[in-house]
C-alpha atoms as a PDB file:
ATOM      1  CA  MET A   1     108.533 146.434  97.868  1.00  0.00           C
ATOM      2  CA  THR A   2     110.803 145.049 100.617  1.00  0.00           C
ATOM      3  CA  ARG A   3     112.108 148.618 100.928  1.00  0.00           C
ATOM      4  CA  LEU A   4     108.782 150.042 101.490  1.00  0.00           C
ATOM      5  CA  LEU A   5     107.888 147.450 104.028  1.00  0.00           C
ATOM      6  CA  ASP A   6     111.151 148.147 105.805  1.00  0.00           C
ATOM      7  CA  ARG A   7     109.927 152.005 106.427  1.00  0.00           C
ATOM      8  CA  ILE A   8     106.810 151.147 107.943  1.00  0.00           C
ATOM      9  CA  PRO A   9     107.149 151.422 111.749  1.00  0.00           C
ATOM     10  CA  GLU A  10     106.820 148.114 113.535  1.00  0.00           C
ATOM     11  CA  SER A  11     103.954 149.312 115.575  1.00  0.00           C
ATOM     12  CA  ILE A  12     101.816 150.326 112.590  1.00  0.00           C
ATOM     13  CA  PHE A  13     102.738 146.990 110.926  1.00  0.00           C
ATOM     14  CA  ARG A  14     101.353 145.298 113.814  1.00  0.00           C
ATOM     15  CA  VAL A  15      98.034 147.154 113.654  1.00  0.00           C
ATOM     16  CA  LEU A  16      97.752 146.610 110.115  1.00  0.00           C
ATOM     17  CA  SER A  17      98.354 142.879 110.473  1.00  0.00           C
ATOM     18  CA  ALA A  18      95.899 142.649 113.315  1.00  0.00           C
ATOM     19  CA  VAL A  19      93.234 144.403 111.172  1.00  0.00           C
ATOM     20  CA  VAL A  20      93.704 142.037 108.102  1.00  0.00           C
ATOM     21  CA  ILE A  21      93.824 138.981 110.350  1.00  0.00           C
ATOM     22  CA  LEU A  22      90.775 140.107 112.119  1.00  0.00           C
ATOM     23  CA  THR A  23      88.920 140.943 109.007  1.00  0.00           C
ATOM     24  CA  LEU A  24      89.726 137.592 107.467  1.00  0.00           C
ATOM     25  CA  PHE A  25      88.710 135.833 110.708  1.00  0.00           C
ATOM     26  CA  THR A  26      85.400 137.375 110.716  1.00  0.00           C
ATOM     27  CA  ILE A  27      84.679 136.615 107.165  1.00  0.00           C
ATOM     28  CA  ILE A  28      85.494 132.924 107.694  1.00  0.00           C
ATOM     29  CA  LEU A  29      83.608 132.594 110.858  1.00  0.00           C
ATOM     30  CA  PHE A  30      80.391 134.629 110.143  1.00  0.00           C
ATOM     31  CA  PRO A  31      78.860 131.775 108.009  1.00  0.00           C
ATOM     32  CA  LEU A  32      79.459 129.433 110.919  1.00  0.00           C
ATOM     33  CA  TYR A  33      77.985 131.874 113.285  1.00  0.00           C
ATOM     34  CA  PHE A  34      74.981 132.440 111.248  1.00  0.00           C
ATOM     35  CA  MET A  35      74.322 128.533 110.770  1.00  0.00           C
ATOM     36  CA  VAL A  36      74.686 127.944 114.581  1.00  0.00           C
ATOM     37  CA  THR A  37      72.279 130.820 115.622  1.00  0.00           C
ATOM     38  CA  THR A  38      69.826 129.972 112.991  1.00  0.00           C
ATOM     39  CA  SER A  39      69.481 126.398 113.987  1.00  0.00           C
ATOM     40  CA  PHE A  40      68.175 127.439 117.370  1.00  0.00           C
ATOM     41  CA  LYS A  41      65.532 129.759 115.990  1.00  0.00           C
ATOM     42  CA  PHE A  42      61.777 129.302 115.103  1.00  0.00           C
ATOM     43  CA  ASP A  43      60.680 129.706 111.652  1.00  0.00           C
ATOM     44  CA  LYS A  44      58.816 132.990 112.533  1.00  0.00           C
ATOM     45  CA  GLU A  45      61.962 134.519 113.823  1.00  0.00           C
ATOM     46  CA  ILE A  46      64.037 133.240 110.823  1.00  0.00           C
ATOM     47  CA  TYR A  47      61.881 134.835 108.200  1.00  0.00           C
ATOM     48  CA  SER A  48      60.472 137.889 109.939  1.00  0.00           C
ATOM     49  CA  GLU A  49      63.703 139.740 110.612  1.00  0.00           C
ATOM     50  CA  LEU A  50      67.449 139.298 111.073  1.00  0.00           C
ATOM     51  CA  THR A  51      68.397 138.726 114.744  1.00  0.00           C
ATOM     52  CA  TRP A  52      71.994 137.979 115.828  1.00  0.00           C
ATOM     53  CA  ILE A  53      71.050 136.153 118.880  1.00  0.00           C
ATOM     54  CA  PRO A  54      67.870 133.877 119.163  1.00  0.00           C
ATOM     55  CA  ARG A  55      65.230 135.607 121.169  1.00  0.00           C
ATOM     56  CA  ASP A  56      63.529 132.143 122.039  1.00  0.00           C
ATOM     57  CA  PRO A  57      66.127 129.388 121.718  1.00  0.00           C
ATOM     58  CA  THR A  58      64.535 126.081 120.579  1.00  0.00           C
ATOM     59  CA  LEU A  59      65.838 122.712 119.973  1.00  0.00           C
ATOM     60  CA  SER A  60      62.827 121.858 117.611  1.00  0.00           C
ATOM     61  CA  ASN A  61      64.902 122.049 114.442  1.00  0.00           C
ATOM     62  CA  PHE A  62      67.318 119.382 115.784  1.00  0.00           C
ATOM     63  CA  ARG A  63      64.335 117.123 116.794  1.00  0.00           C
ATOM     64  CA  ASP A  64      62.865 117.335 113.422  1.00  0.00           C
ATOM     65  CA  VAL A  65      66.119 116.510 111.744  1.00  0.00           C
ATOM     66  CA  ILE A  66      66.751 113.519 113.911  1.00  0.00           C
ATOM     67  CA  VAL A  67      63.205 112.174 113.892  1.00  0.00           C
ATOM     68  CA  ASN A  68      61.668 113.237 110.461  1.00  0.00           C
ATOM     69  CA  PHE A  69      64.763 113.471 108.151  1.00  0.00           C
ATOM     70  CA  HIS A  70      66.866 110.313 108.840  1.00  0.00           C
ATOM     71  CA  ILE A  71      69.939 112.358 109.530  1.00  0.00           C
ATOM     72  CA  PRO A  72      71.266 109.482 111.936  1.00  0.00           C
ATOM     73  CA  LEU A  73      70.910 106.960 109.129  1.00  0.00           C
ATOM     74  CA  TYR A  74      72.703 109.150 106.724  1.00  0.00           C
ATOM     75  CA  LEU A  75      75.437 109.923 109.109  1.00  0.00           C
ATOM     76  CA  SER A  76      76.077 106.247 109.954  1.00  0.00           C
ATOM     77  CA  ASN A  77      76.251 105.613 106.133  1.00  0.00           C
ATOM     78  CA  THR A  78      78.695 108.224 105.553  1.00  0.00           C
ATOM     79  CA  LEU A  79      80.755 107.348 108.542  1.00  0.00           C
ATOM     80  CA  LEU A  80      81.030 103.707 107.201  1.00  0.00           C
ATOM     81  CA  VAL A  81      82.060 104.817 103.703  1.00  0.00           C
ATOM     82  CA  ALA A  82      84.390 107.347 104.939  1.00  0.00           C
ATOM     83  CA  LEU A  83      86.248 105.210 107.382  1.00  0.00           C
ATOM     84  CA  SER A  84      86.361 102.133 105.064  1.00  0.00           C
ATOM     85  CA  THR A  85      87.517 104.348 102.081  1.00  0.00           C
ATOM     86  CA  THR A  86      90.127 105.902 104.201  1.00  0.00           C
ATOM     87  CA  ALA A  87      91.652 102.799 105.629  1.00  0.00           C
ATOM     88  CA  ILE A  88      91.799 101.119 102.296  1.00  0.00           C
ATOM     89  CA  VAL A  89      93.264 104.122 100.624  1.00  0.00           C
ATOM     90  CA  VAL A  90      96.089 104.523 103.333  1.00  0.00           C
ATOM     91  CA  VAL A  91      97.167 101.041 103.076  1.00  0.00           C
ATOM     92  CA  ILE A  92      97.310 100.987  99.176  1.00  0.00           C
ATOM     93  CA  SER A  93      99.015 104.596  99.018  1.00  0.00           C
ATOM     94  CA  VAL A  94     101.705 103.728 101.533  1.00  0.00           C
ATOM     95  CA  LEU A  95     102.600 100.598  99.744  1.00  0.00           C
ATOM     96  CA  ALA A  96     102.492 102.316  96.414  1.00  0.00           C
ATOM     97  CA  ALA A  97     104.454 105.512  97.675  1.00  0.00           C
ATOM     98  CA  TYR A  98     107.174 103.073  99.284  1.00  0.00           C
ATOM     99  CA  ALA A  99     107.492 101.265  96.132  1.00  0.00           C
ATOM    100  CA  LEU A 100     107.876 104.393  93.918  1.00  0.00           C
ATOM    101  CA  THR A 101     110.333 105.928  96.214  1.00  0.00           C
ATOM    102  CA  ARG A 102     112.297 103.294  97.517  1.00  0.00           C
ATOM    103  CA  LEU A 103     112.528 100.439  94.926  1.00  0.00           C
ATOM    104  CA  ARG A 104     114.187 100.637  91.427  1.00  0.00           C
ATOM    105  CA  PHE A 105     112.409  98.980  88.734  1.00  0.00           C
ATOM    106  CA  PRO A 106     111.633  99.840  84.962  1.00  0.00           C
ATOM    107  CA  GLY A 107     108.833 102.417  84.338  1.00  0.00           C
ATOM    108  CA  ARG A 108     108.972 103.771  88.079  1.00  0.00           C
ATOM    109  CA  ALA A 109     109.434 107.369  86.721  1.00  0.00           C
ATOM    110  CA  VAL A 110     106.504 107.041  84.475  1.00  0.00           C
ATOM    111  CA  MET A 111     104.232 105.469  87.001  1.00  0.00           C
ATOM    112  CA  ALA A 112     105.203 108.326  89.460  1.00  0.00           C
ATOM    113  CA  ARG A 113     104.241 110.931  86.789  1.00  0.00           C
ATOM    114  CA  GLY A 114     101.124 108.959  86.139  1.00  0.00           C
ATOM    115  CA  VAL A 115      99.834 109.186  89.598  1.00  0.00           C
ATOM    116  CA  LEU A 116     100.187 112.999  89.429  1.00  0.00           C
ATOM    117  CA  PHE A 117      98.440 113.109  86.047  1.00  0.00           C
ATOM    118  CA  VAL A 118      95.402 110.845  87.410  1.00  0.00           C
ATOM    119  CA  TYR A 119      95.279 113.156  90.575  1.00  0.00           C
ATOM    120  CA  LEU A 120      94.967 116.197  88.352  1.00  0.00           C
ATOM    121  CA  ILE A 121      91.966 114.889  86.355  1.00  0.00           C
ATOM    122  CA  PRO A 122      88.738 116.561  87.577  1.00  0.00           C
ATOM    123  CA  GLY A 123      86.452 114.228  89.240  1.00  0.00           C
ATOM    124  CA  SER A 124      83.471 115.233  87.195  1.00  0.00           C
ATOM    125  CA  LEU A 125      85.213 113.941  84.081  1.00  0.00           C
ATOM    126  CA  MET A 126      85.386 110.383  85.788  1.00  0.00           C
ATOM    127  CA  LEU A 127      81.711 110.321  86.747  1.00  0.00           C
ATOM    128  CA  ILE A 128      80.235 108.860  83.586  1.00  0.00           C
ATOM    129  CA  PRO A 129      82.990 105.987  83.085  1.00  0.00           C
ATOM    130  CA  MET A 130      82.941 105.319  86.868  1.00  0.00           C
ATOM    131  CA  TYR A 131      79.126 105.102  86.722  1.00  0.00           C
ATOM    132  CA  LEU A 132      79.027 102.676  83.947  1.00  0.00           C
ATOM    133  CA  ILE A 133      81.653 100.550  85.637  1.00  0.00           C
ATOM    134  CA  ILE A 134      79.902 100.508  88.901  1.00  0.00           C
ATOM    135  CA  VAL A 135      76.477  99.578  87.211  1.00  0.00           C
ATOM    136  CA  LYS A 136      78.122  96.678  85.181  1.00  0.00           C
ATOM    137  CA  ALA A 137      79.834  95.328  88.489  1.00  0.00           C
ATOM    138  CA  GLY A 138      76.384  95.424  90.219  1.00  0.00           C
ATOM    139  CA  LEU A 139      77.435  97.850  92.827  1.00  0.00           C
ATOM    140  CA  LYS A 140      74.937 100.712  92.370  1.00  0.00           C
ATOM    141  CA  ASP A 141      73.207 101.491  95.417  1.00  0.00           C
ATOM    142  CA  THR A 142      75.650  99.619  97.607  1.00  0.00           C
ATOM    143  CA  PHE A 143      78.279 100.715 100.088  1.00  0.00           C
ATOM    144  CA  PRO A 144      81.209  98.988  98.042  1.00  0.00           C
ATOM    145  CA  GLY A 145      80.299 101.087  94.940  1.00  0.00           C
ATOM    146  CA  LEU A 146      80.576 104.360  96.864  1.00  0.00           C
ATOM    147  CA  ILE A 147      83.946 103.063  98.443  1.00  0.00           C
ATOM    148  CA  VAL A 148      85.176 102.132  95.127  1.00  0.00           C
ATOM    149  CA  ALA A 149      84.019 105.544  93.436  1.00  0.00           C
ATOM    150  CA  ASN A 150      85.625 107.399  96.286  1.00  0.00           C
ATOM    151  CA  MET A 151      88.995 105.428  95.945  1.00  0.00           C
ATOM    152  CA  SER A 152      89.293 106.409  92.378  1.00  0.00           C
ATOM    153  CA  PHE A 153      90.309 110.020  93.297  1.00  0.00           C
ATOM    154  CA  SER A 154      91.647 109.525  96.828  1.00  0.00           C
ATOM    155  CA  VAL A 155      94.318 106.718  95.967  1.00  0.00           C
ATOM    156  CA  PRO A 156      96.251 109.163  93.473  1.00  0.00           C
ATOM    157  CA  PHE A 157      96.031 112.065  95.911  1.00  0.00           C
ATOM    158  CA  CYS A 158      97.159 110.021  99.136  1.00  0.00           C
ATOM    159  CA  THR A 159      99.877 108.322  97.008  1.00  0.00           C
ATOM    160  CA  TRP A 160     101.369 111.787  95.707  1.00  0.00           C
ATOM    161  CA  LEU A 161     101.394 113.025  99.312  1.00  0.00           C
ATOM    162  CA  MET A 162     103.062 110.084 100.640  1.00  0.00           C
ATOM    163  CA  MET A 163     105.607 109.990  97.951  1.00  0.00           C
ATOM    164  CA  GLY A 164     106.598 113.669  98.757  1.00  0.00           C
ATOM    165  CA  TYR A 165     106.955 112.898 102.564  1.00  0.00           C
ATOM    166  CA  LEU A 166     108.886 109.550 101.969  1.00  0.00           C
ATOM    167  CA  ARG A 167     111.363 111.484  99.899  1.00  0.00           C
ATOM    168  CA  THR A 168     112.168 113.694 102.836  1.00  0.00           C
ATOM    169  CA  LEU A 169     113.163 110.576 104.977  1.00  0.00           C
ATOM    170  CA  SER A 170     116.630 109.228 104.988  1.00  0.00           C
ATOM    171  CA  SER A 171     117.085 105.764 103.731  1.00  0.00           C
ATOM    172  CA  GLU A 172     120.175 104.988 105.737  1.00  0.00           C
ATOM    173  CA  ILE A 173     118.082 103.399 108.584  1.00  0.00           C
ATOM    174  CA  GLU A 174     116.297 101.173 106.307  1.00  0.00           C
ATOM    175  CA  GLU A 175     119.474 100.120 104.473  1.00  0.00           C
ATOM    176  CA  ALA A 176     121.111  99.298 107.910  1.00  0.00           C
ATOM    177  CA  SER A 177     118.253  97.030 108.590  1.00  0.00           C
ATOM    178  CA  LEU A 178     118.200  95.286 105.454  1.00  0.00           C
ATOM    179  CA  ILE A 179     121.846  94.677 105.919  1.00  0.00           C
ATOM    180  CA  ASP A 180     120.984  93.200 109.462  1.00  0.00           C
ATOM    181  CA  GLY A 181     118.698  90.727 107.759  1.00  0.00           C
ATOM    182  CA  CYS A 182     115.458  92.646 107.968  1.00  0.00           C
ATOM    183  CA  THR A 183     112.847  92.132 105.067  1.00  0.00           C
ATOM    184  CA  ARG A 184     111.423  95.127 103.098  1.00  0.00           C
ATOM    185  CA  MET A 185     108.028  94.610 104.662  1.00  0.00           C
ATOM    186  CA  ARG A 186     109.450  94.530 108.202  1.00  0.00           C
ATOM    187  CA  SER A 187     111.540  97.613 107.455  1.00  0.00           C
ATOM    188  CA  LEU A 188     108.394  99.397 106.189  1.00  0.00           C
ATOM    189  CA  TRP A 189     106.318  98.374 109.282  1.00  0.00           C
ATOM    190  CA  HIS A 190     108.968  99.013 111.890  1.00  0.00           C
ATOM    191  CA  ILE A 191     110.915 101.975 110.534  1.00  0.00           C
ATOM    192  CA  VAL A 192     109.098 103.888 107.693  1.00  0.00           C
ATOM    193  CA  ILE A 193     105.506 103.723 109.047  1.00  0.00           C
ATOM    194  CA  PRO A 194     106.298 105.014 112.521  1.00  0.00           C
ATOM    195  CA  LEU A 195     108.467 107.895 110.921  1.00  0.00           C
ATOM    196  CA  SER A 196     105.559 108.806 108.604  1.00  0.00           C
ATOM    197  CA  ILE A 197     102.749 108.975 111.090  1.00  0.00           C
ATOM    198  CA  PRO A 198     102.315 112.664 110.687  1.00  0.00           C
ATOM    199  CA  ALA A 199     101.855 112.197 106.846  1.00  0.00           C
ATOM    200  CA  ILE A 200      99.690 109.337 107.311  1.00  0.00           C
ATOM    201  CA  VAL A 201      97.342 111.088 109.782  1.00  0.00           C
ATOM    202  CA  THR A 202      97.273 114.072 107.678  1.00  0.00           C
ATOM    203  CA  ALA A 203      96.450 112.207 104.337  1.00  0.00           C
ATOM    204  CA  SER A 204      93.618 110.148 106.350  1.00  0.00           C
ATOM    205  CA  ILE A 205      92.132 113.401 107.472  1.00  0.00           C
ATOM    206  CA  PHE A 206      92.074 114.876 104.023  1.00  0.00           C
ATOM    207  CA  ILE A 207      90.654 111.720 102.632  1.00  0.00           C
ATOM    208  CA  PHE A 208      87.952 111.346 105.248  1.00  0.00           C
ATOM    209  CA  ASN A 209      87.002 115.038 104.751  1.00  0.00           C
ATOM    210  CA  ASN A 210      86.810 114.610 100.902  1.00  0.00           C
ATOM    211  CA  VAL A 211      84.485 111.606 101.256  1.00  0.00           C
ATOM    212  CA  TRP A 212      82.418 113.158 103.944  1.00  0.00           C
ATOM    213  CA  ASN A 213      81.645 116.222 101.670  1.00  0.00           C
ATOM    214  CA  GLU A 214      81.571 114.399  98.359  1.00  0.00           C
ATOM    215  CA  TYR A 215      78.426 115.006  96.524  1.00  0.00           C
ATOM    216  CA  ILE A 216      78.377 114.030  92.791  1.00  0.00           C
ATOM    217  CA  PHE A 217      79.124 110.382  93.188  1.00  0.00           C
ATOM    218  CA  ALA A 218      76.926 110.059  96.323  1.00  0.00           C
ATOM    219  CA  LEU A 219      74.038 111.543  94.123  1.00  0.00           C
ATOM    220  CA  VAL A 220      74.357 109.397  91.244  1.00  0.00           C
ATOM    221  CA  LEU A 221      75.563 106.212  92.795  1.00  0.00           C
ATOM    222  CA  ALA A 222      73.258 105.934  95.921  1.00  0.00           C
ATOM    223  CA  GLN A 223      69.764 106.922  95.000  1.00  0.00           C
ATOM    224  CA  ASP A 224      68.385 104.420  97.561  1.00  0.00           C
ATOM    225  CA  ASP A 225      67.389 106.044 100.853  1.00  0.00           C
ATOM    226  CA  LYS A 226      69.218 103.119 102.898  1.00  0.00           C
ATOM    227  CA  HIS A 227      72.512 104.220 101.254  1.00  0.00           C
ATOM    228  CA  LYS A 228      72.353 107.883 100.903  1.00  0.00           C
ATOM    229  CA  MET A 229      75.099 109.980 102.327  1.00  0.00           C
ATOM    230  CA  ILE A 230      74.873 112.907 104.602  1.00  0.00           C
ATOM    231  CA  SER A 231      75.690 115.428 101.711  1.00  0.00           C
ATOM    232  CA  ILE A 232      72.623 114.259  99.793  1.00  0.00           C
ATOM    233  CA  GLY A 233      70.423 114.036 102.992  1.00  0.00           C
ATOM    234  CA  LEU A 234      70.876 117.625 103.552  1.00  0.00           C
ATOM    235  CA  ALA A 235      69.232 118.380 100.104  1.00  0.00           C
ATOM    236  CA  ASN A 236      65.924 116.990 101.630  1.00  0.00           C
ATOM    237  CA  PHE A 237      65.369 120.385 103.387  1.00  0.00           C
ATOM    238  CA  TYR A 238      64.332 121.805 100.020  1.00  0.00           C
ATOM    239  CA  ARG A 239      60.539 121.629  99.035  1.00  0.00           C
ATOM    240  CA  SER A 240      59.804 123.019  95.470  1.00  0.00           C
ATOM    241  CA  ASP A 241      60.304 126.739  96.150  1.00  0.00           C
ATOM    242  CA  TYR A 242      60.701 126.531  99.830  1.00  0.00           C
ATOM    243  CA  TYR A 243      63.735 126.091 101.952  1.00  0.00           C
ATOM    244  CA  MET A 244      63.282 124.772 105.515  1.00  0.00           C
ATOM    245  CA  VAL A 245      66.068 126.998 106.829  1.00  0.00           C
ATOM    246  CA  GLY A 246      66.017 126.018 110.564  1.00  0.00           C
ATOM    247  CA  PRO A 247      66.315 122.172 109.973  1.00  0.00           C
ATOM    248  CA  MET A 248      68.886 122.870 107.235  1.00  0.00           C
ATOM    249  CA  MET A 249      71.190 124.814 109.649  1.00  0.00           C
ATOM    250  CA  ALA A 250      70.678 122.273 112.333  1.00  0.00           C
ATOM    251  CA  GLY A 251      71.403 119.285 109.965  1.00  0.00           C
ATOM    252  CA  SER A 252      74.520 120.997 108.620  1.00  0.00           C
ATOM    253  CA  LEU A 253      75.705 121.704 112.155  1.00  0.00           C
ATOM    254  CA  ILE A 254      75.287 118.022 113.075  1.00  0.00           C
ATOM    255  CA  ALA A 255      77.040 117.117 109.867  1.00  0.00           C
ATOM    256  CA  MET A 256      80.043 119.129 110.246  1.00  0.00           C
ATOM    257  CA  THR A 257      80.559 118.167 114.144  1.00  0.00           C
ATOM    258  CA  PRO A 258      82.379 114.753 113.425  1.00  0.00           C
ATOM    259  CA  VAL A 259      84.824 116.407 110.905  1.00  0.00           C
ATOM    260  CA  LEU A 260      85.294 119.307 113.349  1.00  0.00           C
ATOM    261  CA  ILE A 261      86.185 116.742 116.195  1.00  0.00           C
ATOM    262  CA  LEU A 262      88.444 114.921 113.978  1.00  0.00           C
ATOM    263  CA  TYR A 263      90.488 118.196 112.902  1.00  0.00           C
ATOM    264  CA  VAL A 264      90.756 119.115 116.591  1.00  0.00           C
ATOM    265  CA  LEU A 265      91.985 115.953 117.921  1.00  0.00           C
ATOM    266  CA  ALA A 266      94.508 115.530 115.115  1.00  0.00           C
ATOM    267  CA  GLN A 267      95.607 119.092 114.632  1.00  0.00           C
ATOM    268  CA  ARG A 268      99.164 118.482 115.709  1.00  0.00           C
ATOM    269  CA  TYR A 269      99.667 115.642 113.385  1.00  0.00           C
ATOM    270  CA  VAL A 270      98.089 117.673 110.448  1.00  0.00           C
ATOM    271  CA  VAL A 271     100.560 120.648 111.162  1.00  0.00           C
ATOM    272  CA  GLY A 272     103.626 118.244 111.659  1.00  0.00           C
ATOM    273  CA  GLY A 273     102.720 116.311 108.330  1.00  0.00           C
ATOM    274  CA  LEU A 274     102.325 119.645 106.285  1.00  0.00           C
ATOM    275  CA  ALA A 275     105.337 121.404 107.785  1.00  0.00           C
ATOM    276  CA  ALA A 276     107.699 118.316 107.457  1.00  0.00           C
ATOM    277  CA  GLY A 277     107.702 118.243 103.620  1.00  0.00           C
ATOM    278  CA  ALA A 278     108.106 122.113 103.595  1.00  0.00           C
ATOM    279  CA  VAL A 279     111.410 122.131 105.610  1.00  0.00           C
ATOM    280  CA  LYS A 280     113.054 119.084 104.647  1.00  0.00           C
ATOM    281  CA  GLY A 281     114.615 117.903 101.481  1.00  0.00           C
END
C-alpha cells in the first residue's frame, strides 16, 4: 500500500485529498445548512417545495419558539444543570486522577481499572437503578437529581481522561516542591492544575456537551415542565402525526448556539489537551 501511494504524483494526490475533504465537509455541513435555512421559512414554503434559500425570510419561527414553547426556560434549566455538573465533576475527577497517578496505596491499580470499567458501561444500563436511587432519595423532578444522574457517567470519563494526561506530566517539579516543604494540596493547586489547564478545559467541554445533549435521564427524571431540559423541550414540536418543522429547526439552532460558542472560544485548549496526550509519554 505504501509503495502504491509513493507512485501517485503529488499533484494528483493533492487533488484527490481536496476532493475527499470537500466531500466530507459538504456531508457534515449540509444538515446544518438545511436547519439554518429552514428556520427562516414559512410553513407554506417548507411543505410546498425544496428551496435552497428562503424566498421570504421570516423570524416568526423564532418568535413562536421563544413565546409559545418555553425555550428560554429550558435553556436556563439546561445551562444550570450543565454548569453545575461540569464544575462538580471536574473537582472530583482532578482529585481522583491525582490520587490514582501520584499516590501509592493498596488497591490503586484495581481502582484505576474500575474507573475504566465503569466508564465503559452504557448509560442505558444504569437508567433503572439510577431512577430508583433518585426516587428513593426524593430527587425526582429536581435539579440535584439531574446533576447526580449526569455525574454517574461524567465522573468516570473525566477521571480517566485526567489520569491519561497526568501520566504525561513529569513529577520532578512536584517532588522538588514537596522537598521544599510544600503540601500535596498546595503542589496540586500551584503546579499540577496550571499545567493541566488544556486537559481540564477539554474535559469540561466534553462534559458540558454531553449533559447539554443528554436525553434519556432528562426524559425520565424531569417530567415537570419547570425542570425540563432543552433536549426534551425540542420534542414539543411534534403533535400526533404532524411535525412543526420551522419552529423545530429554529429551536435546534438556538439550542446549539451556546455549545458552538463554547467550542469556538476554547478551541485552542481542546486541541492542546487532545494532542498533548498523543505526543507525550
